[in-house]
Amino acid sequence: MRENCTSGIAPGAPGNRRSYGGGIGKPQIRLSSHKKMVSTMQRQFTLEYWIDDDWYVGKLQEVPGVFSQGETLDELEDNIRDAYALVMEEQLSNSRPEAKTKEIQVNAA
């Protein structure tokens, strides 16, 4: 059963303030109208990095086009995460609803 809510945040998510439901046997759902639902799925990637003129520069091996730099390795990791998020956001905004998908095999080099 789906609860009706306009906040877009998942029931039981941290930071929720308003309560809906209640009573005996009914779950309490706390919602905040100003927060949006955020996917927290995590994936593991390989960060390839090198030092160039005292800057840490790197790319994600599995995701072409995701490059960044930072003054420290930690800053590079944060910047790579931001770059990945921007690339994924751009791909989602450019998707075509009428497009279909099909899995195919290719010869690996």
Protein backbone atom coordinates (compact mmCIF):
# COMPACT_ATOMS: atom_id res chain seq x y z
CA MET A 1 0.00 0.00 0.00
CA ARG A 2 1.36 3.40 -0.96
CA GLU A 3 0.97 6.40 1.31
CA ASN A 4 -0.13 9.64 -0.31
CA CYS A 5 2.45 12.36 0.21
CA THR A 6 3.52 15.41 -1.71
CA SER A 7 7.02 15.84 -0.35
CA GLY A 8 8.79 13.32 -2.58
CA ILE A 9 10.81 11.96 0.34
CA ALA A 10 10.68 8.33 1.28
CA PRO A 11 8.75 7.40 4.42
CA GLY A 12 11.01 6.99 7.41
CA ALA A 13 13.87 8.95 5.83
CA PRO A 14 16.00 11.03 8.19
CA GLY A 15 15.08 14.65 8.70
CA ASN A 16 11.34 14.17 8.29
CA ARG A 17 9.20 16.39 10.50
CA ARG A 18 5.49 16.03 9.76
CA SER A 19 3.65 12.90 10.87
CA TYR A 20 0.94 11.17 8.90
CA GLY A 21 -0.97 8.07 9.83
CA GLY A 22 -1.02 6.87 13.37
CA GLY A 23 -3.48 5.07 15.56
CA ILE A 24 -3.23 1.51 16.75
CA GLY A 25 -1.62 -0.75 14.17
CA LYS A 26 -0.89 2.09 11.74
CA PRO A 27 2.70 3.08 11.01
CA GLN A 28 3.90 6.59 11.70
CA ILE A 29 5.35 8.25 8.59
CA ARG A 30 7.30 11.43 9.13
CA LEU A 31 7.62 13.75 6.14
CA SER A 32 9.17 17.11 5.38
CA SER A 33 7.70 19.05 2.48
CA HIS A 34 10.98 20.72 1.49
CA LYS A 35 13.15 17.65 0.89
CA LYS A 36 13.33 15.51 -2.24
CA MET A 37 13.87 11.78 -2.52
CA VAL A 38 17.50 10.99 -3.31
CA SER A 39 18.78 7.67 -4.55
CA THR A 40 21.54 6.33 -2.35
CA MET A 41 22.59 3.39 -4.52
CA GLN A 42 26.37 3.10 -4.56
CA ARG A 43 28.60 1.66 -7.28
CA GLN A 44 32.28 0.81 -7.16
CA PHE A 45 34.58 2.31 -9.84
CA THR A 46 38.33 2.38 -10.44
CA LEU A 47 39.92 5.81 -10.06
CA GLU A 48 43.03 6.08 -12.22
CA TYR A 49 45.09 9.07 -11.09
CA TRP A 50 48.46 10.74 -11.54
CA ILE A 51 50.22 13.90 -10.38
CA ASP A 52 50.65 16.72 -12.91
CA ASP A 53 52.26 20.02 -11.78
CA ASP A 54 51.44 19.29 -8.10
CA TRP A 55 47.77 18.50 -8.94
CA TYR A 56 46.14 15.11 -8.56
CA VAL A 57 44.42 14.40 -11.87
CA GLY A 58 42.22 11.39 -12.47
CA LYS A 59 39.48 9.63 -14.35
CA LEU A 60 37.06 6.79 -13.78
CA GLN A 61 38.23 3.86 -15.89
CA GLU A 62 34.73 2.41 -16.31
CA VAL A 63 32.98 5.68 -17.25
CA PRO A 64 34.41 7.52 -20.26
CA GLY A 65 34.37 11.30 -19.93
CA VAL A 66 34.56 11.49 -16.12
CA PHE A 67 37.78 13.40 -15.38
CA SER A 68 38.72 15.83 -12.62
CA GLN A 69 41.56 17.19 -10.51
CA GLY A 70 42.31 18.31 -6.97
CA GLU A 71 45.09 19.65 -4.80
CA THR A 72 44.91 16.48 -2.68
CA LEU A 73 43.83 12.91 -3.36
CA ASP A 74 40.78 13.42 -1.12
CA GLU A 75 39.80 16.54 -3.08
CA LEU A 76 40.24 14.64 -6.35
CA GLU A 77 37.93 11.88 -5.06
CA ASP A 78 35.27 14.44 -4.08
CA ASN A 79 35.59 16.18 -7.45
CA ILE A 80 35.37 12.87 -9.35
CA ARG A 81 32.15 12.06 -7.48
CA ASP A 82 30.75 15.46 -8.49
CA ALA A 83 31.85 14.95 -12.11
CA TYR A 84 30.21 11.50 -12.18
CA ALA A 85 26.97 12.93 -10.79
CA LEU A 86 26.95 15.67 -13.44
CA VAL A 87 27.55 13.18 -16.26
CA MET A 88 24.76 10.91 -15.00
CA GLU A 89 22.39 13.88 -14.61
CA GLU A 90 23.16 14.99 -18.16
CA GLN A 91 22.56 11.48 -19.53
CA LEU A 92 19.20 11.26 -17.75
CA SER A 93 18.07 14.67 -18.97
CA ASN A 94 18.98 13.75 -22.56
CA SER A 95 17.24 10.36 -22.55
CA ARG A 96 14.48 9.81 -25.06
CA PRO A 97 11.26 8.35 -23.64
CA GLU A 98 10.55 6.59 -26.96
CA ALA A 99 13.99 4.94 -27.05
CA LYS A 100 14.23 1.18 -26.68
CA THR A 101 17.16 -0.86 -25.39
CA LYS A 102 18.65 -4.18 -26.43
CA GLU A 103 21.61 -6.04 -24.97
CA ILE A 104 24.24 -7.04 -27.55
CA GLN A 105 27.63 -8.74 -27.51
CA VAL A 106 30.82 -7.18 -28.89
CA ASN A 107 34.32 -8.56 -29.24
CA ALA A 108 36.57 -7.34 -26.44
CA ALA A 109 39.96 -5.99 -27.44
